[in-house]
Amino acid sequence: ELFQSLELWDDVVDCYTQMGKRKEARGVLEERLKKVAPTPRMYTAMGDLTELPECEAHYEKAWELSKGRYARAKVQLGR
């Protein structure tokens, strides 16, 4: 709730994921993607919350958005 009140959405998603509340984390991400410009971190987190093969598209989008600079997206694609 603290992160939500401070609008630290990446941290909200991380907290939900750590608590095993993947559905809530995905819901936050989906809402944020509708309201703000997407970031590589958002798409990588969405990939982490999605099953194969759909998750690969999220990692590829994160890599594309970062113009090849967001290493975590590339690492996840290699798994």
PDB file of N, CA and C in Angstrom:
ATOM      1  N   GLU A   1       0.817  -1.199   0.000  1.00  0.00           N
ATOM      2  CA  GLU A   1       0.000   0.000   0.000  1.00  0.00           C
ATOM      3  C   GLU A   1       0.859   1.261   0.000  1.00  0.00           C
ATOM      4  N   LEU A   2       1.992   1.203   0.694  1.00  0.00           N
ATOM      5  CA  LEU A   2       2.885   2.358   0.727  1.00  0.00           C
ATOM      6  C   LEU A   2       3.378   2.693  -0.672  1.00  0.00           C
ATOM      7  N   PHE A   3       3.832   1.672  -1.412  1.00  0.00           N
ATOM      8  CA  PHE A   3       4.328   1.913  -2.766  1.00  0.00           C
ATOM      9  C   PHE A   3       3.215   2.427  -3.675  1.00  0.00           C
ATOM     10  N   GLN A   4       1.990   1.951  -3.463  1.00  0.00           N
ATOM     11  CA  GLN A   4       0.872   2.426  -4.269  1.00  0.00           C
ATOM     12  C   GLN A   4       0.594   3.895  -3.985  1.00  0.00           C
ATOM     13  N   SER A   5       0.614   4.272  -2.717  1.00  0.00           N
ATOM     14  CA  SER A   5       0.342   5.671  -2.378  1.00  0.00           C
ATOM     15  C   SER A   5       1.427   6.601  -2.918  1.00  0.00           C
ATOM     16  N   LEU A   6       2.653   6.076  -3.048  1.00  0.00           N
ATOM     17  CA  LEU A   6       3.754   6.861  -3.594  1.00  0.00           C
ATOM     18  C   LEU A   6       3.863   6.711  -5.114  1.00  0.00           C
ATOM     19  N   GLU A   7       2.981   5.886  -5.689  1.00  0.00           N
ATOM     20  CA  GLU A   7       2.956   5.611  -7.115  1.00  0.00           C
ATOM     21  C   GLU A   7       4.283   5.053  -7.629  1.00  0.00           C
ATOM     22  N   LEU A   8       4.880   4.172  -6.844  1.00  0.00           N
ATOM     23  CA  LEU A   8       6.098   3.468  -7.230  1.00  0.00           C
ATOM     24  C   LEU A   8       5.676   2.129  -7.820  1.00  0.00           C
ATOM     25  N   TRP A   9       5.157   2.174  -9.043  1.00  0.00           N
ATOM     26  CA  TRP A   9       4.485   1.026  -9.629  1.00  0.00           C
ATOM     27  C   TRP A   9       5.405  -0.162  -9.874  1.00  0.00           C
ATOM     28  N   ASP A  10       6.654   0.093 -10.245  1.00  0.00           N
ATOM     29  CA  ASP A  10       7.582  -1.031 -10.433  1.00  0.00           C
ATOM     30  C   ASP A  10       7.773  -1.777  -9.119  1.00  0.00           C
ATOM     31  N   ASP A  11       7.839  -1.038  -8.025  1.00  0.00           N
ATOM     32  CA  ASP A  11       7.997  -1.662  -6.712  1.00  0.00           C
ATOM     33  C   ASP A  11       6.731  -2.403  -6.286  1.00  0.00           C
ATOM     34  N   VAL A  12       5.572  -1.870  -6.652  1.00  0.00           N
ATOM     35  CA  VAL A  12       4.303  -2.550  -6.362  1.00  0.00           C
ATOM     36  C   VAL A  12       4.294  -3.914  -7.063  1.00  0.00           C
ATOM     37  N   VAL A  13       4.682  -3.923  -8.328  1.00  0.00           N
ATOM     38  CA  VAL A  13       4.716  -5.169  -9.096  1.00  0.00           C
ATOM     39  C   VAL A  13       5.716  -6.140  -8.467  1.00  0.00           C
ATOM     40  N   ASP A  14       6.892  -5.641  -8.099  1.00  0.00           N
ATOM     41  CA  ASP A  14       7.905  -6.499  -7.466  1.00  0.00           C
ATOM     42  C   ASP A  14       7.385  -7.099  -6.163  1.00  0.00           C
ATOM     43  N   CYS A  15       6.714  -6.294  -5.360  1.00  0.00           N
ATOM     44  CA  CYS A  15       6.178  -6.786  -4.079  1.00  0.00           C
ATOM     45  C   CYS A  15       5.124  -7.865  -4.302  1.00  0.00           C
ATOM     46  N   TYR A  16       4.189  -7.604  -5.202  1.00  0.00           N
ATOM     47  CA  TYR A  16       3.160  -8.605  -5.485  1.00  0.00           C
ATOM     48  C   TYR A  16       3.787  -9.905  -5.984  1.00  0.00           C
ATOM     49  N   THR A  17       4.780  -9.782  -6.841  1.00  0.00           N
ATOM     50  CA  THR A  17       5.441 -10.971  -7.379  1.00  0.00           C
ATOM     51  C   THR A  17       6.129 -11.747  -6.266  1.00  0.00           C
ATOM     52  N   GLN A  18       6.840 -11.061  -5.394  1.00  0.00           N
ATOM     53  CA  GLN A  18       7.532 -11.720  -4.286  1.00  0.00           C
ATOM     54  C   GLN A  18       6.557 -12.401  -3.328  1.00  0.00           C
ATOM     55  N   MET A  19       5.361 -11.837  -3.185  1.00  0.00           N
ATOM     56  CA  MET A  19       4.358 -12.418  -2.290  1.00  0.00           C
ATOM     57  C   MET A  19       3.563 -13.535  -2.961  1.00  0.00           C
ATOM     58  N   GLY A  20       3.869 -13.811  -4.230  1.00  0.00           N
ATOM     59  CA  GLY A  20       3.150 -14.862  -4.938  1.00  0.00           C
ATOM     60  C   GLY A  20       1.811 -14.418  -5.496  1.00  0.00           C
ATOM     61  N   LYS A  21       1.569 -13.123  -5.533  1.00  0.00           N
ATOM     62  CA  LYS A  21       0.314 -12.580  -6.051  1.00  0.00           C
ATOM     63  C   LYS A  21       0.514 -12.141  -7.503  1.00  0.00           C
ATOM     64  N   ARG A  22       0.767 -13.130  -8.338  1.00  0.00           N
ATOM     65  CA  ARG A  22       1.072 -12.868  -9.740  1.00  0.00           C
ATOM     66  C   ARG A  22      -0.096 -12.217 -10.480  1.00  0.00           C
ATOM     67  N   LYS A  23      -1.304 -12.605 -10.147  1.00  0.00           N
ATOM     68  CA  LYS A  23      -2.479 -12.038 -10.811  1.00  0.00           C
ATOM     69  C   LYS A  23      -2.584 -10.543 -10.530  1.00  0.00           C
ATOM     70  N   GLU A  24      -2.361 -10.148  -9.277  1.00  0.00           N
ATOM     71  CA  GLU A  24      -2.409  -8.739  -8.914  1.00  0.00           C
ATOM     72  C   GLU A  24      -1.282  -7.956  -9.593  1.00  0.00           C
ATOM     73  N   ALA A  25      -0.091  -8.552  -9.641  1.00  0.00           N
ATOM     74  CA  ALA A  25       1.052  -7.900 -10.290  1.00  0.00           C
ATOM     75  C   ALA A  25       0.757  -7.678 -11.769  1.00  0.00           C
ATOM     76  N   ARG A  26       0.208  -8.694 -12.402  1.00  0.00           N
ATOM     77  CA  ARG A  26      -0.125  -8.571 -13.826  1.00  0.00           C
ATOM     78  C   ARG A  26      -1.191  -7.500 -14.046  1.00  0.00           C
ATOM     79  N   GLY A  27      -2.172  -7.426 -13.141  1.00  0.00           N
ATOM     80  CA  GLY A  27      -3.218  -6.407 -13.243  1.00  0.00           C
ATOM     81  C   GLY A  27      -2.654  -5.001 -13.161  1.00  0.00           C
ATOM     82  N   VAL A  28      -1.719  -4.786 -12.248  1.00  0.00           N
ATOM     83  CA  VAL A  28      -1.077  -3.473 -12.117  1.00  0.00           C
ATOM     84  C   VAL A  28      -0.337  -3.131 -13.409  1.00  0.00           C
ATOM     85  N   LEU A  29       0.404  -4.093 -13.933  1.00  0.00           N
ATOM     86  CA  LEU A  29       1.142  -3.856 -15.177  1.00  0.00           C
ATOM     87  C   LEU A  29       0.209  -3.533 -16.338  1.00  0.00           C
ATOM     88  N   GLU A  30      -0.856  -4.289 -16.465  1.00  0.00           N
ATOM     89  CA  GLU A  30      -1.796  -4.046 -17.565  1.00  0.00           C
ATOM     90  C   GLU A  30      -2.402  -2.650 -17.472  1.00  0.00           C
ATOM     91  N   GLU A  31      -2.752  -2.220 -16.269  1.00  0.00           N
ATOM     92  CA  GLU A  31      -3.293  -0.870 -16.080  1.00  0.00           C
ATOM     93  C   GLU A  31      -2.265   0.198 -16.427  1.00  0.00           C
ATOM     94  N   ARG A  32      -1.024   0.004 -15.979  1.00  0.00           N
ATOM     95  CA  ARG A  32       0.034   0.976 -16.252  1.00  0.00           C
ATOM     96  C   ARG A  32       0.334   1.061 -17.746  1.00  0.00           C
ATOM     97  N   LEU A  33       0.311  -0.076 -18.428  1.00  0.00           N
ATOM     98  CA  LEU A  33       0.578  -0.070 -19.864  1.00  0.00           C
ATOM     99  C   LEU A  33      -0.497   0.678 -20.637  1.00  0.00           C
ATOM    100  N   LYS A  34      -1.713   0.739 -20.102  1.00  0.00           N
ATOM    101  CA  LYS A  34      -2.790   1.494 -20.746  1.00  0.00           C
ATOM    102  C   LYS A  34      -2.648   2.995 -20.512  1.00  0.00           C
ATOM    103  N   LYS A  35      -2.013   3.377 -19.402  1.00  0.00           N
ATOM    104  CA  LYS A  35      -2.006   4.783 -18.988  1.00  0.00           C
ATOM    105  C   LYS A  35      -0.718   5.542 -19.295  1.00  0.00           C
ATOM    106  N   VAL A  36       0.398   4.861 -19.344  1.00  0.00           N
ATOM    107  CA  VAL A  36       1.680   5.547 -19.529  1.00  0.00           C
ATOM    108  C   VAL A  36       2.483   4.894 -20.649  1.00  0.00           C
ATOM    109  N   ALA A  37       3.510   5.594 -21.079  1.00  0.00           N
ATOM    110  CA  ALA A  37       4.396   5.022 -22.097  1.00  0.00           C
ATOM    111  C   ALA A  37       5.094   3.799 -21.516  1.00  0.00           C
ATOM    112  N   PRO A  38       5.123   2.713 -22.263  1.00  0.00           N
ATOM    113  CA  PRO A  38       5.750   1.487 -21.752  1.00  0.00           C
ATOM    114  C   PRO A  38       7.256   1.633 -21.598  1.00  0.00           C
ATOM    115  N   THR A  39       7.788   0.881 -20.657  1.00  0.00           N
ATOM    116  CA  THR A  39       9.230   0.863 -20.433  1.00  0.00           C
ATOM    117  C   THR A  39       9.733  -0.566 -20.588  1.00  0.00           C
ATOM    118  N   PRO A  40      11.018  -0.731 -20.839  1.00  0.00           N
ATOM    119  CA  PRO A  40      11.561  -2.089 -20.925  1.00  0.00           C
ATOM    120  C   PRO A  40      11.327  -2.886 -19.639  1.00  0.00           C
ATOM    121  N   ARG A  41      11.432  -2.229 -18.501  1.00  0.00           N
ATOM    122  CA  ARG A  41      11.218  -2.935 -17.234  1.00  0.00           C
ATOM    123  C   ARG A  41       9.784  -3.458 -17.134  1.00  0.00           C
ATOM    124  N   MET A  42       8.820  -2.666 -17.587  1.00  0.00           N
ATOM    125  CA  MET A  42       7.426  -3.101 -17.536  1.00  0.00           C
ATOM    126  C   MET A  42       7.219  -4.354 -18.378  1.00  0.00           C
ATOM    127  N   TYR A  43       7.762  -4.354 -19.588  1.00  0.00           N
ATOM    128  CA  TYR A  43       7.578  -5.516 -20.462  1.00  0.00           C
ATOM    129  C   TYR A  43       8.346  -6.730 -19.965  1.00  0.00           C
ATOM    130  N   THR A  44       9.501  -6.520 -19.355  1.00  0.00           N
ATOM    131  CA  THR A  44      10.235  -7.647 -18.796  1.00  0.00           C
ATOM    132  C   THR A  44       9.465  -8.252 -17.629  1.00  0.00           C
ATOM    133  N   ALA A  45       8.906  -7.412 -16.782  1.00  0.00           N
ATOM    134  CA  ALA A  45       8.099  -7.912 -15.670  1.00  0.00           C
ATOM    135  C   ALA A  45       6.881  -8.668 -16.185  1.00  0.00           C
ATOM    136  N   MET A  46       6.262  -8.159 -17.252  1.00  0.00           N
ATOM    137  CA  MET A  46       5.109  -8.851 -17.832  1.00  0.00           C
ATOM    138  C   MET A  46       5.536 -10.218 -18.373  1.00  0.00           C
ATOM    139  N   GLY A  47       6.711 -10.284 -18.973  1.00  0.00           N
ATOM    140  CA  GLY A  47       7.229 -11.566 -19.440  1.00  0.00           C
ATOM    141  C   GLY A  47       7.452 -12.540 -18.305  1.00  0.00           C
ATOM    142  N   ASP A  48       7.939 -12.026 -17.170  1.00  0.00           N
ATOM    143  CA  ASP A  48       8.164 -12.876 -15.998  1.00  0.00           C
ATOM    144  C   ASP A  48       6.859 -13.452 -15.465  1.00  0.00           C
ATOM    145  N   LEU A  49       5.767 -12.745 -15.683  1.00  0.00           N
ATOM    146  CA  LEU A  49       4.466 -13.163 -15.162  1.00  0.00           C
ATOM    147  C   LEU A  49       3.637 -13.953 -16.180  1.00  0.00           C
ATOM    148  N   THR A  50       4.222 -14.207 -17.338  1.00  0.00           N
ATOM    149  CA  THR A  50       3.513 -14.865 -18.432  1.00  0.00           C
ATOM    150  C   THR A  50       4.188 -16.189 -18.762  1.00  0.00           C
ATOM    151  N   GLU A  51       3.409 -17.151 -19.169  1.00  0.00           N
ATOM    152  CA  GLU A  51       3.927 -18.475 -19.531  1.00  0.00           C
ATOM    153  C   GLU A  51       4.463 -18.479 -20.959  1.00  0.00           C
ATOM    154  N   LEU A  52       5.294 -19.486 -21.251  1.00  0.00           N
ATOM    155  CA  LEU A  52       5.782 -19.691 -22.618  1.00  0.00           C
ATOM    156  C   LEU A  52       4.613 -19.999 -23.524  1.00  0.00           C
ATOM    157  N   PRO A  53       4.615 -19.708 -24.754  1.00  0.00           N
ATOM    158  CA  PRO A  53       5.588 -18.945 -25.518  1.00  0.00           C
ATOM    159  C   PRO A  53       5.314 -17.444 -25.505  1.00  0.00           C
ATOM    160  N   GLU A  54       4.181 -17.041 -24.924  1.00  0.00           N
ATOM    161  CA  GLU A  54       3.791 -15.626 -24.927  1.00  0.00           C
ATOM    162  C   GLU A  54       4.824 -14.733 -24.250  1.00  0.00           C
ATOM    163  N   CYS A  55       5.514 -15.247 -23.241  1.00  0.00           N
ATOM    164  CA  CYS A  55       6.471 -14.420 -22.506  1.00  0.00           C
ATOM    165  C   CYS A  55       7.594 -13.917 -23.400  1.00  0.00           C
ATOM    166  N   GLU A  56       7.966 -14.701 -24.404  1.00  0.00           N
ATOM    167  CA  GLU A  56       9.055 -14.299 -25.293  1.00  0.00           C
ATOM    168  C   GLU A  56       8.737 -12.991 -26.016  1.00  0.00           C
ATOM    169  N   ALA A  57       7.486 -12.793 -26.387  1.00  0.00           N
ATOM    170  CA  ALA A  57       7.094 -11.561 -27.073  1.00  0.00           C
ATOM    171  C   ALA A  57       7.293 -10.350 -26.158  1.00  0.00           C
ATOM    172  N   HIS A  58       7.027 -10.520 -24.870  1.00  0.00           N
ATOM    173  CA  HIS A  58       7.218  -9.416 -23.924  1.00  0.00           C
ATOM    174  C   HIS A  58       8.702  -9.086 -23.770  1.00  0.00           C
ATOM    175  N   TYR A  59       9.542 -10.107 -23.684  1.00  0.00           N
ATOM    176  CA  TYR A  59      10.983  -9.867 -23.574  1.00  0.00           C
ATOM    177  C   TYR A  59      11.529  -9.215 -24.841  1.00  0.00           C
ATOM    178  N   GLU A  60      11.045  -9.660 -25.995  1.00  0.00           N
ATOM    179  CA  GLU A  60      11.485  -9.053 -27.257  1.00  0.00           C
ATOM    180  C   GLU A  60      11.060  -7.589 -27.337  1.00  0.00           C
ATOM    181  N   LYS A  61       9.846  -7.289 -26.868  1.00  0.00           N
ATOM    182  CA  LYS A  61       9.366  -5.900 -26.861  1.00  0.00           C
ATOM    183  C   LYS A  61      10.225  -5.049 -25.922  1.00  0.00           C
ATOM    184  N   ALA A  62      10.585  -5.594 -24.771  1.00  0.00           N
ATOM    185  CA  ALA A  62      11.447  -4.871 -23.825  1.00  0.00           C
ATOM    186  C   ALA A  62      12.808  -4.588 -24.461  1.00  0.00           C
ATOM    187  N   TRP A  63      13.358  -5.588 -25.145  1.00  0.00           N
ATOM    188  CA  TRP A  63      14.657  -5.431 -25.806  1.00  0.00           C
ATOM    189  C   TRP A  63      14.573  -4.358 -26.900  1.00  0.00           C
ATOM    190  N   GLU A  64      13.472  -4.382 -27.652  1.00  0.00           N
ATOM    191  CA  GLU A  64      13.254  -3.400 -28.718  1.00  0.00           C
ATOM    192  C   GLU A  64      13.105  -1.987 -28.152  1.00  0.00           C
ATOM    193  N   LEU A  65      12.298  -1.845 -27.103  1.00  0.00           N
ATOM    194  CA  LEU A  65      12.098  -0.522 -26.482  1.00  0.00           C
ATOM    195  C   LEU A  65      13.398   0.063 -25.944  1.00  0.00           C
ATOM    196  N   SER A  66      14.264  -0.806 -25.452  1.00  0.00           N
ATOM    197  CA  SER A  66      15.523  -0.333 -24.863  1.00  0.00           C
ATOM    198  C   SER A  66      16.595  -0.076 -25.920  1.00  0.00           C
ATOM    199  N   LYS A  67      16.253  -0.355 -27.179  1.00  0.00           N
ATOM    200  CA  LYS A  67      17.224  -0.222 -28.273  1.00  0.00           C
ATOM    201  C   LYS A  67      18.470  -1.059 -28.005  1.00  0.00           C
ATOM    202  N   GLY A  68      18.226  -2.258 -27.462  1.00  0.00           N
ATOM    203  CA  GLY A  68      19.307  -3.198 -27.221  1.00  0.00           C
ATOM    204  C   GLY A  68      20.156  -2.904 -26.007  1.00  0.00           C
ATOM    205  N   ARG A  69      19.603  -2.201 -25.033  1.00  0.00           N
ATOM    206  CA  ARG A  69      20.395  -1.810 -23.859  1.00  0.00           C
ATOM    207  C   ARG A  69      19.934  -2.433 -22.543  1.00  0.00           C
ATOM    208  N   TYR A  70      18.737  -2.978 -22.505  1.00  0.00           N
ATOM    209  CA  TYR A  70      18.222  -3.532 -21.248  1.00  0.00           C
ATOM    210  C   TYR A  70      18.610  -5.006 -21.174  1.00  0.00           C
ATOM    211  N   ALA A  71      19.719  -5.259 -20.508  1.00  0.00           N
ATOM    212  CA  ALA A  71      20.323  -6.588 -20.484  1.00  0.00           C
ATOM    213  C   ALA A  71      19.389  -7.666 -19.923  1.00  0.00           C
ATOM    214  N   ARG A  72      18.593  -7.320 -18.934  1.00  0.00           N
ATOM    215  CA  ARG A  72      17.737  -8.326 -18.315  1.00  0.00           C
ATOM    216  C   ARG A  72      16.776  -8.949 -19.331  1.00  0.00           C
ATOM    217  N   ALA A  73      16.282  -8.142 -20.254  1.00  0.00           N
ATOM    218  CA  ALA A  73      15.386  -8.667 -21.300  1.00  0.00           C
ATOM    219  C   ALA A  73      16.123  -9.690 -22.158  1.00  0.00           C
ATOM    220  N   LYS A  74      17.350  -9.399 -22.517  1.00  0.00           N
ATOM    221  CA  LYS A  74      18.135 -10.307 -23.362  1.00  0.00           C
ATOM    222  C   LYS A  74      18.471 -11.584 -22.598  1.00  0.00           C
ATOM    223  N   VAL A  75      18.789 -11.454 -21.315  1.00  0.00           N
ATOM    224  CA  VAL A  75      19.077 -12.627 -20.492  1.00  0.00           C
ATOM    225  C   VAL A  75      17.850 -13.536 -20.422  1.00  0.00           C
ATOM    226  N   GLN A  76      16.688 -12.953 -20.220  1.00  0.00           N
ATOM    227  CA  GLN A  76      15.465 -13.745 -20.134  1.00  0.00           C
ATOM    228  C   GLN A  76      15.149 -14.423 -21.477  1.00  0.00           C
ATOM    229  N   LEU A  77      15.471 -13.775 -22.569  1.00  0.00           N
ATOM    230  CA  LEU A  77      15.263 -14.400 -23.879  1.00  0.00           C
ATOM    231  C   LEU A  77      16.165 -15.612 -24.054  1.00  0.00           C
ATOM    232  N   GLY A  78      17.338 -15.585 -23.437  1.00  0.00           N
ATOM    233  CA  GLY A  78      18.273 -16.679 -23.555  1.00  0.00           C
ATOM    234  C   GLY A  78      17.945 -17.897 -22.716  1.00  0.00           C
ATOM    235  N   ARG A  79      16.994 -17.772 -21.831  1.00  0.00           N
ATOM    236  CA  ARG A  79      16.632 -18.909 -20.963  1.00  0.00           C
ATOM    237  C   ARG A  79      15.738 -19.886 -21.641  1.00  0.00           C
TER     238      ARG A  79
END
